[in-house]
PDB file of N, CA and C in Angstrom:
ATOM      1  N   MET A   1      26.787 -20.365 -20.181  1.00  0.00           N
ATOM      2  CA  MET A   1      25.816 -20.047 -19.144  1.00  0.00           C
ATOM      3  C   MET A   1      25.660 -18.524 -19.051  1.00  0.00           C
ATOM      4  N   THR A   2      24.445 -18.052 -19.111  1.00  0.00           N
ATOM      5  CA  THR A   2      24.208 -16.616 -19.033  1.00  0.00           C
ATOM      6  C   THR A   2      24.086 -16.199 -17.572  1.00  0.00           C
ATOM      7  N   PRO A   3      24.619 -15.051 -17.236  1.00  0.00           N
ATOM      8  CA  PRO A   3      24.520 -14.597 -15.843  1.00  0.00           C
ATOM      9  C   PRO A   3      23.072 -14.250 -15.497  1.00  0.00           C
ATOM     10  N   SER A   4      22.698 -14.526 -14.278  1.00  0.00           N
ATOM     11  CA  SER A   4      21.344 -14.213 -13.833  1.00  0.00           C
ATOM     12  C   SER A   4      21.402 -13.508 -12.491  1.00  0.00           C
ATOM     13  N   PHE A   5      20.268 -12.982 -12.104  1.00  0.00           N
ATOM     14  CA  PHE A   5      20.185 -12.271 -10.824  1.00  0.00           C
ATOM     15  C   PHE A   5      20.431 -13.214  -9.653  1.00  0.00           C
ATOM     16  N   HIS A   6      20.021 -14.469  -9.797  1.00  0.00           N
ATOM     17  CA  HIS A   6      20.132 -15.419  -8.689  1.00  0.00           C
ATOM     18  C   HIS A   6      21.563 -15.865  -8.438  1.00  0.00           C
ATOM     19  N   SER A   7      22.444 -15.708  -9.416  1.00  0.00           N
ATOM     20  CA  SER A   7      23.829 -16.113  -9.213  1.00  0.00           C
ATOM     21  C   SER A   7      24.703 -14.940  -8.770  1.00  0.00           C
ATOM     22  N   ALA A   8      24.117 -13.799  -8.484  1.00  0.00           N
ATOM     23  CA  ALA A   8      24.875 -12.623  -8.057  1.00  0.00           C
ATOM     24  C   ALA A   8      25.372 -12.808  -6.627  1.00  0.00           C
ATOM     25  N   ASP A   9      26.411 -12.064  -6.299  1.00  0.00           N
ATOM     26  CA  ASP A   9      26.924 -12.145  -4.933  1.00  0.00           C
ATOM     27  C   ASP A   9      26.004 -11.397  -3.974  1.00  0.00           C
ATOM     28  N   ARG A  10      26.214 -11.600  -2.697  1.00  0.00           N
ATOM     29  CA  ARG A  10      25.328 -11.053  -1.670  1.00  0.00           C
ATOM     30  C   ARG A  10      25.240  -9.525  -1.693  1.00  0.00           C
ATOM     31  N   PRO A  11      26.350  -8.761  -1.778  1.00  0.00           N
ATOM     32  CA  PRO A  11      26.224  -7.283  -1.804  1.00  0.00           C
ATOM     33  C   PRO A  11      25.428  -6.779  -3.009  1.00  0.00           C
ATOM     34  N   THR A  12      25.607  -7.420  -4.166  1.00  0.00           N
ATOM     35  CA  THR A  12      24.854  -7.001  -5.347  1.00  0.00           C
ATOM     36  C   THR A  12      23.372  -7.287  -5.157  1.00  0.00           C
ATOM     37  N   HIS A  13      23.069  -8.446  -4.627  1.00  0.00           N
ATOM     38  CA  HIS A  13      21.671  -8.813  -4.371  1.00  0.00           C
ATOM     39  C   HIS A  13      21.038  -7.828  -3.397  1.00  0.00           C
ATOM     40  N   ARG A  14      21.740  -7.499  -2.334  1.00  0.00           N
ATOM     41  CA  ARG A  14      21.219  -6.564  -1.331  1.00  0.00           C
ATOM     42  C   ARG A  14      21.014  -5.183  -1.938  1.00  0.00           C
ATOM     43  N   ARG A  15      21.960  -4.728  -2.762  1.00  0.00           N
ATOM     44  CA  ARG A  15      21.857  -3.413  -3.385  1.00  0.00           C
ATOM     45  C   ARG A  15      20.649  -3.347  -4.321  1.00  0.00           C
ATOM     46  N   VAL A  16      20.428  -4.398  -5.103  1.00  0.00           N
ATOM     47  CA  VAL A  16      19.279  -4.432  -6.011  1.00  0.00           C
ATOM     48  C   VAL A  16      17.979  -4.423  -5.217  1.00  0.00           C
ATOM     49  N   MET A  17      17.927  -5.168  -4.123  1.00  0.00           N
ATOM     50  CA  MET A  17      16.709  -5.204  -3.307  1.00  0.00           C
ATOM     51  C   MET A  17      16.435  -3.839  -2.672  1.00  0.00           C
ATOM     52  N   VAL A  18      17.467  -3.162  -2.195  1.00  0.00           N
ATOM     53  CA  VAL A  18      17.284  -1.842  -1.572  1.00  0.00           C
ATOM     54  C   VAL A  18      16.811  -0.825  -2.602  1.00  0.00           C
ATOM     55  N   VAL A  19      17.400  -0.851  -3.783  1.00  0.00           N
ATOM     56  CA  VAL A  19      16.981   0.092  -4.830  1.00  0.00           C
ATOM     57  C   VAL A  19      15.530  -0.172  -5.232  1.00  0.00           C
ATOM     58  N   GLY A  20      15.158  -1.435  -5.343  1.00  0.00           N
ATOM     59  CA  GLY A  20      13.772  -1.773  -5.668  1.00  0.00           C
ATOM     60  C   GLY A  20      12.811  -1.315  -4.593  1.00  0.00           C
ATOM     61  N   LEU A  21      13.188  -1.500  -3.338  1.00  0.00           N
ATOM     62  CA  LEU A  21      12.342  -1.059  -2.229  1.00  0.00           C
ATOM     63  C   LEU A  21      12.203   0.461  -2.217  1.00  0.00           C
ATOM     64  N   LEU A  22      13.271   1.174  -2.512  1.00  0.00           N
ATOM     65  CA  LEU A  22      13.204   2.637  -2.560  1.00  0.00           C
ATOM     66  C   LEU A  22      12.280   3.119  -3.681  1.00  0.00           C
ATOM     67  N   PHE A  23      12.392   2.496  -4.855  1.00  0.00           N
ATOM     68  CA  PHE A  23      11.509   2.884  -5.957  1.00  0.00           C
ATOM     69  C   PHE A  23      10.049   2.588  -5.625  1.00  0.00           C
ATOM     70  N   CYS A  24       9.793   1.455  -5.011  1.00  0.00           N
ATOM     71  CA  CYS A  24       8.423   1.090  -4.639  1.00  0.00           C
ATOM     72  C   CYS A  24       7.877   2.072  -3.602  1.00  0.00           C
ATOM     73  N   SER A  25       8.678   2.385  -2.596  1.00  0.00           N
ATOM     74  CA  SER A  25       8.251   3.335  -1.562  1.00  0.00           C
ATOM     75  C   SER A  25       7.986   4.713  -2.151  1.00  0.00           C
ATOM     76  N   ALA A  26       8.861   5.149  -3.049  1.00  0.00           N
ATOM     77  CA  ALA A  26       8.673   6.456  -3.682  1.00  0.00           C
ATOM     78  C   ALA A  26       7.384   6.474  -4.504  1.00  0.00           C
ATOM     79  N   PHE A  27       7.094   5.393  -5.207  1.00  0.00           N
ATOM     80  CA  PHE A  27       5.859   5.318  -6.001  1.00  0.00           C
ATOM     81  C   PHE A  27       4.632   5.427  -5.107  1.00  0.00           C
ATOM     82  N   VAL A  28       4.636   4.716  -3.975  1.00  0.00           N
ATOM     83  CA  VAL A  28       3.488   4.753  -3.063  1.00  0.00           C
ATOM     84  C   VAL A  28       3.322   6.151  -2.478  1.00  0.00           C
ATOM     85  N   VAL A  29       4.418   6.761  -2.046  1.00  0.00           N
ATOM     86  CA  VAL A  29       4.343   8.102  -1.447  1.00  0.00           C
ATOM     87  C   VAL A  29       3.840   9.116  -2.473  1.00  0.00           C
ATOM     88  N   ILE A  30       4.367   9.069  -3.685  1.00  0.00           N
ATOM     89  CA  ILE A  30       3.936  10.020  -4.713  1.00  0.00           C
ATOM     90  C   ILE A  30       2.478   9.780  -5.084  1.00  0.00           C
ATOM     91  N   SER A  31       2.049   8.532  -5.129  1.00  0.00           N
ATOM     92  CA  SER A  31       0.653   8.234  -5.457  1.00  0.00           C
ATOM     93  C   SER A  31      -0.296   8.824  -4.422  1.00  0.00           C
ATOM     94  N   PHE A  32       0.032   8.679  -3.146  1.00  0.00           N
ATOM     95  CA  PHE A  32      -0.828   9.248  -2.103  1.00  0.00           C
ATOM     96  C   PHE A  32      -0.775  10.763  -2.116  1.00  0.00           C
ATOM     97  N   TRP A  33       0.374  11.330  -2.419  1.00  0.00           N
ATOM     98  CA  TRP A  33       0.522  12.784  -2.416  1.00  0.00           C
ATOM     99  C   TRP A  33      -0.264  13.417  -3.559  1.00  0.00           C
ATOM    100  N   LEU A  34      -0.312  12.750  -4.733  1.00  0.00           N
ATOM    101  CA  LEU A  34      -0.999  13.306  -5.888  1.00  0.00           C
ATOM    102  C   LEU A  34      -2.478  12.942  -5.939  1.00  0.00           C
ATOM    103  N   ARG A  35      -2.931  12.126  -5.002  1.00  0.00           N
ATOM    104  CA  ARG A  35      -4.330  11.699  -5.003  1.00  0.00           C
ATOM    105  C   ARG A  35      -5.244  12.895  -4.746  1.00  0.00           C
ATOM    106  N   ALA A  36      -6.331  12.950  -5.485  1.00  0.00           N
ATOM    107  CA  ALA A  36      -7.277  14.052  -5.319  1.00  0.00           C
ATOM    108  C   ALA A  36      -8.048  13.873  -4.010  1.00  0.00           C
ATOM    109  N   PRO A  37      -8.338  14.966  -3.326  1.00  0.00           N
ATOM    110  CA  PRO A  37      -9.128  14.854  -2.100  1.00  0.00           C
ATOM    111  C   PRO A  37     -10.561  14.439  -2.426  1.00  0.00           C
ATOM    112  N   PRO A  38     -11.239  13.800  -1.489  1.00  0.00           N
ATOM    113  CA  PRO A  38     -12.619  13.383  -1.758  1.00  0.00           C
ATOM    114  C   PRO A  38     -13.522  14.592  -2.009  1.00  0.00           C
ATOM    115  N   GLU A  39     -14.477  14.416  -2.915  1.00  0.00           N
ATOM    116  CA  GLU A  39     -15.399  15.507  -3.259  1.00  0.00           C
ATOM    117  C   GLU A  39     -16.305  15.863  -2.084  1.00  0.00           C
ATOM    118  N   SER A  40     -16.751  14.842  -1.370  1.00  0.00           N
ATOM    119  CA  SER A  40     -17.610  15.098  -0.224  1.00  0.00           C
ATOM    120  C   SER A  40     -17.208  14.129   0.885  1.00  0.00           C
ATOM    121  N   GLY A  41     -17.725  14.386   2.056  1.00  0.00           N
ATOM    122  CA  GLY A  41     -17.407  13.518   3.178  1.00  0.00           C
ATOM    123  C   GLY A  41     -18.351  12.340   3.304  1.00  0.00           C
ATOM    124  N   LYS A  42     -19.236  12.146   2.319  1.00  0.00           N
ATOM    125  CA  LYS A  42     -20.235  11.080   2.414  1.00  0.00           C
ATOM    126  C   LYS A  42     -19.580   9.700   2.505  1.00  0.00           C
ATOM    127  N   VAL A  43     -18.564   9.463   1.699  1.00  0.00           N
ATOM    128  CA  VAL A  43     -17.885   8.174   1.720  1.00  0.00           C
ATOM    129  C   VAL A  43     -17.187   7.981   3.060  1.00  0.00           C
ATOM    130  N   LEU A  44     -16.583   9.043   3.571  1.00  0.00           N
ATOM    131  CA  LEU A  44     -15.887   8.942   4.843  1.00  0.00           C
ATOM    132  C   LEU A  44     -16.853   8.679   5.991  1.00  0.00           C
ATOM    133  N   VAL A  45     -18.032   9.279   5.944  1.00  0.00           N
ATOM    134  CA  VAL A  45     -19.033   9.061   6.986  1.00  0.00           C
ATOM    135  C   VAL A  45     -19.509   7.611   6.950  1.00  0.00           C
ATOM    136  N   LYS A  46     -19.733   7.087   5.746  1.00  0.00           N
ATOM    137  CA  LYS A  46     -20.183   5.711   5.625  1.00  0.00           C
ATOM    138  C   LYS A  46     -19.108   4.755   6.133  1.00  0.00           C
ATOM    139  N   ALA A  47     -17.846   4.997   5.770  1.00  0.00           N
ATOM    140  CA  ALA A  47     -16.753   4.148   6.234  1.00  0.00           C
ATOM    141  C   ALA A  47     -16.627   4.231   7.749  1.00  0.00           C
ATOM    142  N   ASP A  48     -16.800   5.423   8.325  1.00  0.00           N
ATOM    143  CA  ASP A  48     -16.712   5.576   9.768  1.00  0.00           C
ATOM    144  C   ASP A  48     -17.826   4.802  10.462  1.00  0.00           C
ATOM    145  N   ARG A  49     -19.029   4.847   9.901  1.00  0.00           N
ATOM    146  CA  ARG A  49     -20.152   4.121  10.484  1.00  0.00           C
ATOM    147  C   ARG A  49     -19.893   2.615  10.431  1.00  0.00           C
ATOM    148  N   LEU A  50     -19.339   2.134   9.311  1.00  0.00           N
ATOM    149  CA  LEU A  50     -19.040   0.713   9.182  1.00  0.00           C
ATOM    150  C   LEU A  50     -17.996   0.276  10.210  1.00  0.00           C
ATOM    151  N   VAL A  51     -17.009   1.110  10.431  1.00  0.00           N
ATOM    152  CA  VAL A  51     -15.961   0.765  11.394  1.00  0.00           C
ATOM    153  C   VAL A  51     -16.512   0.775  12.814  1.00  0.00           C
ATOM    154  N   ARG A  52     -17.348   1.763  13.124  1.00  0.00           N
ATOM    155  CA  ARG A  52     -17.888   1.849  14.483  1.00  0.00           C
ATOM    156  C   ARG A  52     -18.847   0.716  14.799  1.00  0.00           C
ATOM    157  N   THR A  53     -19.571   0.224  13.785  1.00  0.00           N
ATOM    158  CA  THR A  53     -20.559  -0.826  14.039  1.00  0.00           C
ATOM    159  C   THR A  53     -20.011  -2.223  13.767  1.00  0.00           C
ATOM    160  N   ALA A  54     -18.751  -2.343  13.423  1.00  0.00           N
ATOM    161  CA  ALA A  54     -18.170  -3.664  13.142  1.00  0.00           C
ATOM    162  C   ALA A  54     -18.160  -4.492  14.415  1.00  0.00           C
ATOM    163  N   GLY A  55     -18.596  -5.706  14.309  1.00  0.00           N
ATOM    164  CA  GLY A  55     -18.589  -6.611  15.443  1.00  0.00           C
ATOM    165  C   GLY A  55     -19.847  -6.583  16.288  1.00  0.00           C
ATOM    166  N   GLU A  56     -20.726  -5.614  16.050  1.00  0.00           N
ATOM    167  CA  GLU A  56     -21.966  -5.561  16.809  1.00  0.00           C
ATOM    168  C   GLU A  56     -22.989  -6.511  16.199  1.00  0.00           C
ATOM    169  N   ALA A  57     -23.825  -7.049  17.027  1.00  0.00           N
ATOM    170  CA  ALA A  57     -24.883  -7.948  16.535  1.00  0.00           C
ATOM    171  C   ALA A  57     -25.921  -7.124  15.791  1.00  0.00           C
ATOM    172  N   ARG A  58     -26.376  -7.637  14.657  1.00  0.00           N
ATOM    173  CA  ARG A  58     -27.417  -6.929  13.904  1.00  0.00           C
ATOM    174  C   ARG A  58     -28.768  -7.144  14.587  1.00  0.00           C
ATOM    175  N   LYS A  59     -29.598  -6.131  14.516  1.00  0.00           N
ATOM    176  CA  LYS A  59     -30.924  -6.216  15.124  1.00  0.00           C
ATOM    177  C   LYS A  59     -31.843  -7.055  14.246  1.00  0.00           C
ATOM    178  N   ALA A  60     -32.549  -7.974  14.863  1.00  0.00           N
ATOM    179  CA  ALA A  60     -33.534  -8.780  14.137  1.00  0.00           C
ATOM    180  C   ALA A  60     -34.841  -8.016  14.060  1.00  0.00           C
ATOM    181  N   ASN A  61     -35.573  -8.195  12.956  1.00  0.00           N
ATOM    182  CA  ASN A  61     -36.850  -7.495  12.803  1.00  0.00           C
ATOM    183  C   ASN A  61     -37.887  -8.000  13.731  1.00  0.00           C
TER     184      ASN A  61
END
């Protein structure tokens, strides 16, 4: 029988999960930090308008 991750004891399982979570968190943080800023605010203005008008009834012609 070959050893597998599922047959590991509880401390080993917890340690592997914590290390995986740390690597995932670091990847997300670095990705946001290295992201280029938007070229213009046009996309942000459109997104803001969509958020402000969400849930409002559309006007009929």
